[in-house]
Amino acid sequence: MKEILCKVYGDVQGVFFRTFAKEKAGEFGVTGYAKNLEDETVEVVAQGTKENLDKFLGAISVGPDNAQVESINVMWGPVPDEKFTQFDIL
């Protein structure tokens, strides 16, 4: 198991990006959350296998039709003691 912390830049708020991320998380068996930040970016924390996280990252790198993802800053790490049981929209 791995964990990623992502900050997604671009036109990613008000375009159902977090809902899209939740759908893709379910599709790829990933847990965690997506949260709008005050600087108009989206923070995503996700846990899963490296293979599933790679697929998830590929999907959120494009985003839903209405989004315009400019870039994603991704930090990989081990899963901390706190493990998510589902993917939430915060």
Protein backbone atom coordinates (compact mmCIF):
# COMPACT_ATOMS: atom_id res chain seq x y z
CA MET A 1 0.00 0.00 0.00
CA LYS A 2 1.08 3.52 -0.84
CA GLU A 3 -0.27 7.01 -0.25
CA ILE A 4 -0.19 10.04 -2.49
CA LEU A 5 -0.78 13.68 -1.60
CA CYS A 6 -1.69 15.74 -4.65
CA LYS A 7 -2.36 19.39 -5.29
CA VAL A 8 -4.28 19.86 -8.54
CA TYR A 9 -3.92 23.18 -10.37
CA GLY A 10 -6.09 24.67 -13.10
CA ASP A 11 -9.82 25.18 -13.54
CA VAL A 12 -10.73 22.44 -11.05
CA GLN A 13 -13.33 24.00 -8.73
CA GLY A 14 -17.00 24.26 -9.66
CA VAL A 15 -16.59 21.68 -12.44
CA PHE A 16 -17.37 18.46 -10.50
CA PHE A 17 -13.68 17.55 -10.18
CA ARG A 18 -14.09 16.14 -6.66
CA THR A 19 -17.09 14.05 -7.74
CA PHE A 20 -15.06 12.76 -10.70
CA ALA A 21 -12.16 11.89 -8.37
CA LYS A 22 -14.54 9.97 -6.09
CA GLU A 23 -15.97 8.02 -9.05
CA LYS A 24 -12.47 7.13 -10.28
CA ALA A 25 -11.38 6.17 -6.77
CA GLY A 26 -14.27 3.70 -6.63
CA GLU A 27 -13.39 2.37 -10.07
CA PHE A 28 -9.74 1.77 -9.09
CA GLY A 29 -10.23 0.68 -5.46
CA VAL A 30 -8.59 3.78 -3.97
CA THR A 31 -9.53 5.41 -0.64
CA GLY A 32 -8.91 8.93 0.66
CA TYR A 33 -10.46 12.33 -0.05
CA ALA A 34 -10.65 15.35 -2.37
CA LYS A 35 -10.99 18.83 -0.89
CA ASN A 36 -11.26 22.33 -2.38
CA LEU A 37 -8.60 24.72 -1.08
CA GLU A 38 -8.88 28.49 -0.73
CA ASP A 39 -6.32 29.09 -3.51
CA GLU A 40 -8.74 27.47 -6.03
CA THR A 41 -6.78 24.22 -6.20
CA VAL A 42 -7.94 20.78 -5.10
CA GLU A 43 -6.10 18.64 -2.56
CA VAL A 44 -6.33 14.89 -3.08
CA VAL A 45 -5.04 12.28 -0.65
CA ALA A 46 -5.34 8.71 -1.88
CA GLN A 47 -4.29 5.29 -0.62
CA GLY A 48 -4.04 2.05 -2.55
CA THR A 49 -1.66 -0.16 -4.48
CA LYS A 50 0.92 1.57 -6.67
CA GLU A 51 -0.75 0.16 -9.77
CA ASN A 52 -4.20 1.45 -8.77
CA LEU A 53 -2.82 4.84 -7.70
CA ASP A 54 -1.07 5.18 -11.08
CA LYS A 55 -4.40 4.53 -12.85
CA PHE A 56 -6.17 6.98 -10.54
CA LEU A 57 -3.51 9.64 -11.19
CA GLY A 58 -3.88 9.14 -14.92
CA ALA A 59 -7.61 9.78 -14.65
CA ILE A 60 -7.44 12.86 -12.41
CA SER A 61 -4.64 14.30 -14.56
CA VAL A 62 -7.29 14.74 -17.24
CA GLY A 63 -10.31 15.32 -15.00
CA PRO A 64 -13.95 15.62 -16.04
CA ASP A 65 -14.99 17.29 -19.30
CA ASN A 66 -15.58 20.72 -17.72
CA ALA A 67 -12.23 20.82 -15.89
CA GLN A 68 -8.94 22.14 -17.19
CA VAL A 69 -6.12 20.44 -15.27
CA GLU A 70 -2.92 22.43 -15.74
CA SER A 71 -0.64 20.43 -13.45
CA ILE A 72 -0.56 18.12 -10.45
CA ASN A 73 2.06 18.18 -7.72
CA VAL A 74 2.32 14.59 -6.39
CA MET A 75 4.16 13.36 -3.31
CA TRP A 76 4.39 9.60 -2.73
CA GLY A 77 4.81 8.02 0.67
CA PRO A 78 4.01 5.03 2.82
CA VAL A 79 0.55 4.72 4.31
CA PRO A 80 0.53 6.24 7.80
CA ASP A 81 -1.27 4.65 10.73
CA GLU A 82 -4.45 6.43 9.62
CA LYS A 83 -5.96 4.37 6.82
CA PHE A 84 -9.03 5.53 4.93
CA THR A 85 -11.94 3.15 4.49
CA GLN A 86 -13.61 5.05 1.63
CA PHE A 87 -13.11 8.07 -0.64
CA ASP A 88 -14.78 11.24 0.61
CA ILE A 89 -15.52 14.66 -0.80
CA LEU A 90 -14.61 17.26 1.82
